[in-house]
Amino acid sequence: MARTGHNCIIRNTSGRLGDIVLTNNGNMRRKPDMSKRIPSPMQQEHGNRFLEAISFARMAIRDPELNAFYAKKAEKKDGLGAWHMAIRDYMNPPRIYWASFINFKGKRNDEIIVDAYDLFRVEEVAVSFMLPDGCPAGELQVEHEEWTDWKFRLVSDITCTPGMTVTIRATDLPGNSVTEILTWPFDTRERIEFMPVEGLLSKGKRKKSQLRLK
């Protein structure tokens, strides 16, 4: 790889010239020959997902509200803009860290709290109950949404039958979703962890990163 930082002709130029690739920092390299390389299924899946992310980014920058949202996120990212933030958002689905069913007995006003996180914003969290015969059970009301914590309250009593499933789904702005499924009975004495939280961003930073559009 060649490097030149003082050539006034190609300074601040990036892109491809034939088989030569130029970068903003003065690097020059030959375009790799990919004709004989066969991608693995995982690489192919990742490539297809990246193409979907590009389509989402094109839509986002044409939408004034989304463009402003991602541009705001890009302010502290040197050299990046709304386009890059939209792609990054699409490529990183949300996560569900834990759910609290403490003292849950299926009675009216019982509470469920779900902790969900996304690099940019969790758009929606939903909790649903399904009886063993496939019939839905119960109705939940969103009590309040506070950054990463979503609180739900049962509107009416439900019969917690063994084998009943509880589905928790979190969705982000681009429409990525993640689902966790629990089968009754389960321990309601403490919150249920779905993934470790060690090494993640602090709660304060997570709050700041998930300010909602008004």
Foldseek 3Di string as FASTA:
>chain_A
DDFDQPPPVCACHADDDPQWTADNRGDIDGNDDCPPPDDDPVVVVLVVLLVVLQVQLVVQCVDVLSQVLQQVVCPPPPPDGSSVSSSVQSSWWKDWFWKAQAVPDQAFFRKIKTFIFGQAAWPDKDKWKADQVGDTDWDWDFPDDQQRITMITTHHGTHQDFQMKMKMKIAHDVGHIDIDIDTPPDDNNGMGGDDDDPPHDDPVVRSVRHDDDD
